[in-house]
Amino acid sequence: MPLINLLLVLIVVGVLLWLVNTYIPMYRKIKNILNIVAVVLVVLWLLRVFGIMDSLSSIRI
């Protein structure tokens, strides 16, 4: 995956998280959980993209 695509995905995810945190009224705990889940998913996706965690490809969602 080219570096530009990687940066674009990270920027889009960041902007979406910012929009949700800014404009959608939710309890603070729910926002924190949403942020943690988003960060964990992005980190796992990055590990998979860079080939560090190849075992993720066997997991089906």
PDB file of N, CA and C in Angstrom:
ATOM      1  N   MET A   1       0.847  -1.169   0.000  1.00  0.00           N
ATOM      2  CA  MET A   1       0.000   0.000   0.000  1.00  0.00           C
ATOM      3  C   MET A   1       0.896   1.235   0.000  1.00  0.00           C
ATOM      4  N   PRO A   2       0.689   2.119  -0.969  1.00  0.00           N
ATOM      5  CA  PRO A   2       1.517   3.332  -1.023  1.00  0.00           C
ATOM      6  C   PRO A   2       1.332   4.204   0.221  1.00  0.00           C
ATOM      7  N   LEU A   3       2.357   4.968   0.501  1.00  0.00           N
ATOM      8  CA  LEU A   3       2.365   5.807   1.699  1.00  0.00           C
ATOM      9  C   LEU A   3       1.263   6.868   1.657  1.00  0.00           C
ATOM     10  N   ILE A   4       0.970   7.384   0.477  1.00  0.00           N
ATOM     11  CA  ILE A   4      -0.086   8.407   0.343  1.00  0.00           C
ATOM     12  C   ILE A   4      -1.436   7.810   0.760  1.00  0.00           C
ATOM     13  N   ASN A   5      -1.741   6.585   0.311  1.00  0.00           N
ATOM     14  CA  ASN A   5      -3.001   5.949   0.695  1.00  0.00           C
ATOM     15  C   ASN A   5      -3.064   5.729   2.203  1.00  0.00           C
ATOM     16  N   LEU A   6      -1.958   5.339   2.771  1.00  0.00           N
ATOM     17  CA  LEU A   6      -1.889   5.122   4.214  1.00  0.00           C
ATOM     18  C   LEU A   6      -2.183   6.415   4.960  1.00  0.00           C
ATOM     19  N   LEU A   7      -1.561   7.498   4.536  1.00  0.00           N
ATOM     20  CA  LEU A   7      -1.788   8.792   5.182  1.00  0.00           C
ATOM     21  C   LEU A   7      -3.229   9.266   4.994  1.00  0.00           C
ATOM     22  N   LEU A   8      -3.781   9.048   3.821  1.00  0.00           N
ATOM     23  CA  LEU A   8      -5.165   9.450   3.576  1.00  0.00           C
ATOM     24  C   LEU A   8      -6.135   8.698   4.483  1.00  0.00           C
ATOM     25  N   VAL A   9      -5.914   7.414   4.654  1.00  0.00           N
ATOM     26  CA  VAL A   9      -6.776   6.625   5.539  1.00  0.00           C
ATOM     27  C   VAL A   9      -6.667   7.127   6.971  1.00  0.00           C
ATOM     28  N   LEU A  10      -5.449   7.396   7.423  1.00  0.00           N
ATOM     29  CA  LEU A  10      -5.267   7.898   8.787  1.00  0.00           C
ATOM     30  C   LEU A  10      -5.923   9.265   8.974  1.00  0.00           C
ATOM     31  N   ILE A  11      -5.829  10.126   7.970  1.00  0.00           N
ATOM     32  CA  ILE A  11      -6.448  11.446   8.049  1.00  0.00           C
ATOM     33  C   ILE A  11      -7.971  11.319   8.074  1.00  0.00           C
ATOM     34  N   VAL A  12      -8.526  10.460   7.228  1.00  0.00           N
ATOM     35  CA  VAL A  12      -9.978  10.277   7.197  1.00  0.00           C
ATOM     36  C   VAL A  12     -10.481   9.726   8.525  1.00  0.00           C
ATOM     37  N   VAL A  13      -9.789   8.751   9.069  1.00  0.00           N
ATOM     38  CA  VAL A  13     -10.199   8.187  10.363  1.00  0.00           C
ATOM     39  C   VAL A  13     -10.114   9.253  11.454  1.00  0.00           C
ATOM     40  N   GLY A  14      -9.067  10.030  11.440  1.00  0.00           N
ATOM     41  CA  GLY A  14      -8.914  11.101  12.434  1.00  0.00           C
ATOM     42  C   GLY A  14      -9.997  12.149  12.320  1.00  0.00           C
ATOM     43  N   VAL A  15     -10.328  12.555  11.095  1.00  0.00           N
ATOM     44  CA  VAL A  15     -11.379  13.552  10.909  1.00  0.00           C
ATOM     45  C   VAL A  15     -12.738  12.993  11.326  1.00  0.00           C
ATOM     46  N   LEU A  16     -13.012  11.737  10.991  1.00  0.00           N
ATOM     47  CA  LEU A  16     -14.276  11.131  11.404  1.00  0.00           C
ATOM     48  C   LEU A  16     -14.394  11.051  12.922  1.00  0.00           C
ATOM     49  N   LEU A  17     -13.318  10.684  13.579  1.00  0.00           N
ATOM     50  CA  LEU A  17     -13.337  10.641  15.036  1.00  0.00           C
ATOM     51  C   LEU A  17     -13.539  12.019  15.633  1.00  0.00           C
ATOM     52  N   TRP A  18     -12.893  13.023  15.053  1.00  0.00           N
ATOM     53  CA  TRP A  18     -13.053  14.394  15.528  1.00  0.00           C
ATOM     54  C   TRP A  18     -14.492  14.868  15.343  1.00  0.00           C
ATOM     55  N   LEU A  19     -15.082  14.552  14.180  1.00  0.00           N
ATOM     56  CA  LEU A  19     -16.466  14.947  13.929  1.00  0.00           C
ATOM     57  C   LEU A  19     -17.425  14.293  14.923  1.00  0.00           C
ATOM     58  N   VAL A  20     -17.223  13.012  15.179  1.00  0.00           N
ATOM     59  CA  VAL A  20     -18.077  12.311  16.140  1.00  0.00           C
ATOM     60  C   VAL A  20     -17.913  12.912  17.528  1.00  0.00           C
ATOM     61  N   ASN A  21     -16.677  13.166  17.922  1.00  0.00           N
ATOM     62  CA  ASN A  21     -16.429  13.712  19.258  1.00  0.00           C
ATOM     63  C   ASN A  21     -16.957  15.132  19.409  1.00  0.00           C
ATOM     64  N   THR A  22     -16.960  15.892  18.325  1.00  0.00           N
ATOM     65  CA  THR A  22     -17.358  17.292  18.405  1.00  0.00           C
ATOM     66  C   THR A  22     -18.863  17.493  18.250  1.00  0.00           C
ATOM     67  N   TYR A  23     -19.460  16.811  17.296  1.00  0.00           N
ATOM     68  CA  TYR A  23     -20.822  17.154  16.917  1.00  0.00           C
ATOM     69  C   TYR A  23     -21.898  16.163  17.333  1.00  0.00           C
ATOM     70  N   ILE A  24     -21.547  14.998  17.788  1.00  0.00           N
ATOM     71  CA  ILE A  24     -22.560  14.029  18.211  1.00  0.00           C
ATOM     72  C   ILE A  24     -22.574  13.989  19.737  1.00  0.00           C
ATOM     73  N   PRO A  25     -23.716  14.367  20.315  1.00  0.00           N
ATOM     74  CA  PRO A  25     -23.775  14.368  21.784  1.00  0.00           C
ATOM     75  C   PRO A  25     -23.873  12.951  22.343  1.00  0.00           C
ATOM     76  N   MET A  26     -22.908  12.602  23.157  1.00  0.00           N
ATOM     77  CA  MET A  26     -22.871  11.293  23.818  1.00  0.00           C
ATOM     78  C   MET A  26     -22.255  11.480  25.192  1.00  0.00           C
ATOM     79  N   TYR A  27     -22.491  10.487  26.042  1.00  0.00           N
ATOM     80  CA  TYR A  27     -21.819  10.508  27.334  1.00  0.00           C
ATOM     81  C   TYR A  27     -20.313  10.379  27.126  1.00  0.00           C
ATOM     82  N   ARG A  28     -19.572  10.949  28.055  1.00  0.00           N
ATOM     83  CA  ARG A  28     -18.109  10.943  27.943  1.00  0.00           C
ATOM     84  C   ARG A  28     -17.542   9.528  27.945  1.00  0.00           C
ATOM     85  N   LYS A  29     -18.133   8.625  28.725  1.00  0.00           N
ATOM     86  CA  LYS A  29     -17.632   7.246  28.784  1.00  0.00           C
ATOM     87  C   LYS A  29     -17.804   6.545  27.442  1.00  0.00           C
ATOM     88  N   ILE A  30     -18.930   6.792  26.788  1.00  0.00           N
ATOM     89  CA  ILE A  30     -19.170   6.162  25.486  1.00  0.00           C
ATOM     90  C   ILE A  30     -18.180   6.706  24.454  1.00  0.00           C
ATOM     91  N   LYS A  31     -17.916   8.010  24.496  1.00  0.00           N
ATOM     92  CA  LYS A  31     -16.936   8.596  23.579  1.00  0.00           C
ATOM     93  C   LYS A  31     -15.550   8.016  23.822  1.00  0.00           C
ATOM     94  N   ASN A  32     -15.192   7.840  25.086  1.00  0.00           N
ATOM     95  CA  ASN A  32     -13.887   7.261  25.402  1.00  0.00           C
ATOM     96  C   ASN A  32     -13.775   5.834  24.876  1.00  0.00           C
ATOM     97  N   ILE A  33     -14.822   5.054  25.045  1.00  0.00           N
ATOM     98  CA  ILE A  33     -14.814   3.678  24.536  1.00  0.00           C
ATOM     99  C   ILE A  33     -14.703   3.676  23.022  1.00  0.00           C
ATOM    100  N   LEU A  34     -15.455   4.553  22.360  1.00  0.00           N
ATOM    101  CA  LEU A  34     -15.393   4.661  20.906  1.00  0.00           C
ATOM    102  C   LEU A  34     -13.997   5.044  20.435  1.00  0.00           C
ATOM    103  N   ASN A  35     -13.374   5.987  21.117  1.00  0.00           N
ATOM    104  CA  ASN A  35     -12.019   6.401  20.756  1.00  0.00           C
ATOM    105  C   ASN A  35     -11.020   5.266  20.944  1.00  0.00           C
ATOM    106  N   ILE A  36     -11.135   4.545  22.036  1.00  0.00           N
ATOM    107  CA  ILE A  36     -10.208   3.439  22.300  1.00  0.00           C
ATOM    108  C   ILE A  36     -10.378   2.345  21.255  1.00  0.00           C
ATOM    109  N   VAL A  37     -11.615   2.012  20.925  1.00  0.00           N
ATOM    110  CA  VAL A  37     -11.860   0.983  19.914  1.00  0.00           C
ATOM    111  C   VAL A  37     -11.299   1.420  18.559  1.00  0.00           C
ATOM    112  N   ALA A  38     -11.512   2.679  18.205  1.00  0.00           N
ATOM    113  CA  ALA A  38     -11.007   3.180  16.922  1.00  0.00           C
ATOM    114  C   ALA A  38      -9.482   3.134  16.877  1.00  0.00           C
ATOM    115  N   VAL A  39      -8.833   3.534  17.941  1.00  0.00           N
ATOM    116  CA  VAL A  39      -7.361   3.531  17.973  1.00  0.00           C
ATOM    117  C   VAL A  39      -6.824   2.105  17.909  1.00  0.00           C
ATOM    118  N   VAL A  40      -7.439   1.189  18.645  1.00  0.00           N
ATOM    119  CA  VAL A  40      -6.987  -0.205  18.620  1.00  0.00           C
ATOM    120  C   VAL A  40      -7.148  -0.796  17.219  1.00  0.00           C
ATOM    121  N   LEU A  41      -8.286  -0.537  16.585  1.00  0.00           N
ATOM    122  CA  LEU A  41      -8.502  -1.050  15.229  1.00  0.00           C
ATOM    123  C   LEU A  41      -7.508  -0.466  14.233  1.00  0.00           C
ATOM    124  N   VAL A  42      -7.216   0.822  14.347  1.00  0.00           N
ATOM    125  CA  VAL A  42      -6.244   1.443  13.439  1.00  0.00           C
ATOM    126  C   VAL A  42      -4.852   0.870  13.671  1.00  0.00           C
ATOM    127  N   VAL A  43      -4.472   0.668  14.920  1.00  0.00           N
ATOM    128  CA  VAL A  43      -3.153   0.095  15.215  1.00  0.00           C
ATOM    129  C   VAL A  43      -3.056  -1.329  14.673  1.00  0.00           C
ATOM    130  N   LEU A  44      -4.103  -2.121  14.876  1.00  0.00           N
ATOM    131  CA  LEU A  44      -4.090  -3.487  14.343  1.00  0.00           C
ATOM    132  C   LEU A  44      -4.030  -3.478  12.816  1.00  0.00           C
ATOM    133  N   TRP A  45      -4.765  -2.559  12.192  1.00  0.00           N
ATOM    134  CA  TRP A  45      -4.730  -2.443  10.736  1.00  0.00           C
ATOM    135  C   TRP A  45      -3.332  -2.049  10.252  1.00  0.00           C
ATOM    136  N   LEU A  46      -2.689  -1.111  10.953  1.00  0.00           N
ATOM    137  CA  LEU A  46      -1.332  -0.713  10.579  1.00  0.00           C
ATOM    138  C   LEU A  46      -0.347  -1.871  10.733  1.00  0.00           C
ATOM    139  N   LEU A  47      -0.478  -2.637  11.800  1.00  0.00           N
ATOM    140  CA  LEU A  47       0.401  -3.796  11.986  1.00  0.00           C
ATOM    141  C   LEU A  47       0.207  -4.800  10.860  1.00  0.00           C
ATOM    142  N   ARG A  48      -1.031  -4.967  10.437  1.00  0.00           N
ATOM    143  CA  ARG A  48      -1.308  -5.899   9.333  1.00  0.00           C
ATOM    144  C   ARG A  48      -0.763  -5.361   8.013  1.00  0.00           C
ATOM    145  N   VAL A  49      -0.922  -4.056   7.776  1.00  0.00           N
ATOM    146  CA  VAL A  49      -0.434  -3.454   6.526  1.00  0.00           C
ATOM    147  C   VAL A  49       1.080  -3.588   6.419  1.00  0.00           C
ATOM    148  N   PHE A  50       1.775  -3.392   7.522  1.00  0.00           N
ATOM    149  CA  PHE A  50       3.232  -3.480   7.503  1.00  0.00           C
ATOM    150  C   PHE A  50       3.738  -4.910   7.641  1.00  0.00           C
ATOM    151  N   GLY A  51       2.839  -5.873   7.752  1.00  0.00           N
ATOM    152  CA  GLY A  51       3.236  -7.275   7.769  1.00  0.00           C
ATOM    153  C   GLY A  51       3.761  -7.756   9.096  1.00  0.00           C
ATOM    154  N   ILE A  52       3.594  -6.975  10.129  1.00  0.00           N
ATOM    155  CA  ILE A  52       4.092  -7.372  11.441  1.00  0.00           C
ATOM    156  C   ILE A  52       3.184  -8.422  12.067  1.00  0.00           C
ATOM    157  N   MET A  53       1.916  -8.331  11.738  1.00  0.00           N
ATOM    158  CA  MET A  53       0.954  -9.252  12.342  1.00  0.00           C
ATOM    159  C   MET A  53       0.204  -9.988  11.246  1.00  0.00           C
ATOM    160  N   ASP A  54       0.832 -10.983  10.686  1.00  0.00           N
ATOM    161  CA  ASP A  54       0.226 -11.736   9.576  1.00  0.00           C
ATOM    162  C   ASP A  54      -0.885 -12.671  10.042  1.00  0.00           C
ATOM    163  N   SER A  55      -0.912 -12.978  11.313  1.00  0.00           N
ATOM    164  CA  SER A  55      -1.925 -13.909  11.786  1.00  0.00           C
ATOM    165  C   SER A  55      -3.329 -13.304  11.748  1.00  0.00           C
ATOM    166  N   LEU A  56      -3.425 -12.001  11.591  1.00  0.00           N
ATOM    167  CA  LEU A  56      -4.734 -11.362  11.506  1.00  0.00           C
ATOM    168  C   LEU A  56      -5.490 -11.757  10.240  1.00  0.00           C
ATOM    169  N   SER A  57      -4.782 -12.153   9.217  1.00  0.00           N
ATOM    170  CA  SER A  57      -5.455 -12.489   7.964  1.00  0.00           C
ATOM    171  C   SER A  57      -6.310 -13.757   8.095  1.00  0.00           C
ATOM    172  N   SER A  58      -6.046 -14.560   9.103  1.00  0.00           N
ATOM    173  CA  SER A  58      -6.836 -15.776   9.288  1.00  0.00           C
ATOM    174  C   SER A  58      -8.123 -15.529  10.053  1.00  0.00           C
ATOM    175  N   ILE A  59      -8.271 -14.344  10.638  1.00  0.00           N
ATOM    176  CA  ILE A  59      -9.477 -14.012  11.392  1.00  0.00           C
ATOM    177  C   ILE A  59     -10.535 -13.488  10.428  1.00  0.00           C
ATOM    178  N   ARG A  60     -11.720 -14.069  10.509  1.00  0.00           N
ATOM    179  CA  ARG A  60     -12.818 -13.621   9.643  1.00  0.00           C
ATOM    180  C   ARG A  60     -13.846 -12.905  10.495  1.00  0.00           C
ATOM    181  N   ILE A  61     -14.279 -11.777   9.973  1.00  0.00           N
ATOM    182  CA  ILE A  61     -15.285 -10.986  10.692  1.00  0.00           C
ATOM    183  C   ILE A  61     -16.574 -11.024   9.900  1.00  0.00           C
TER     184      ILE A  61
END
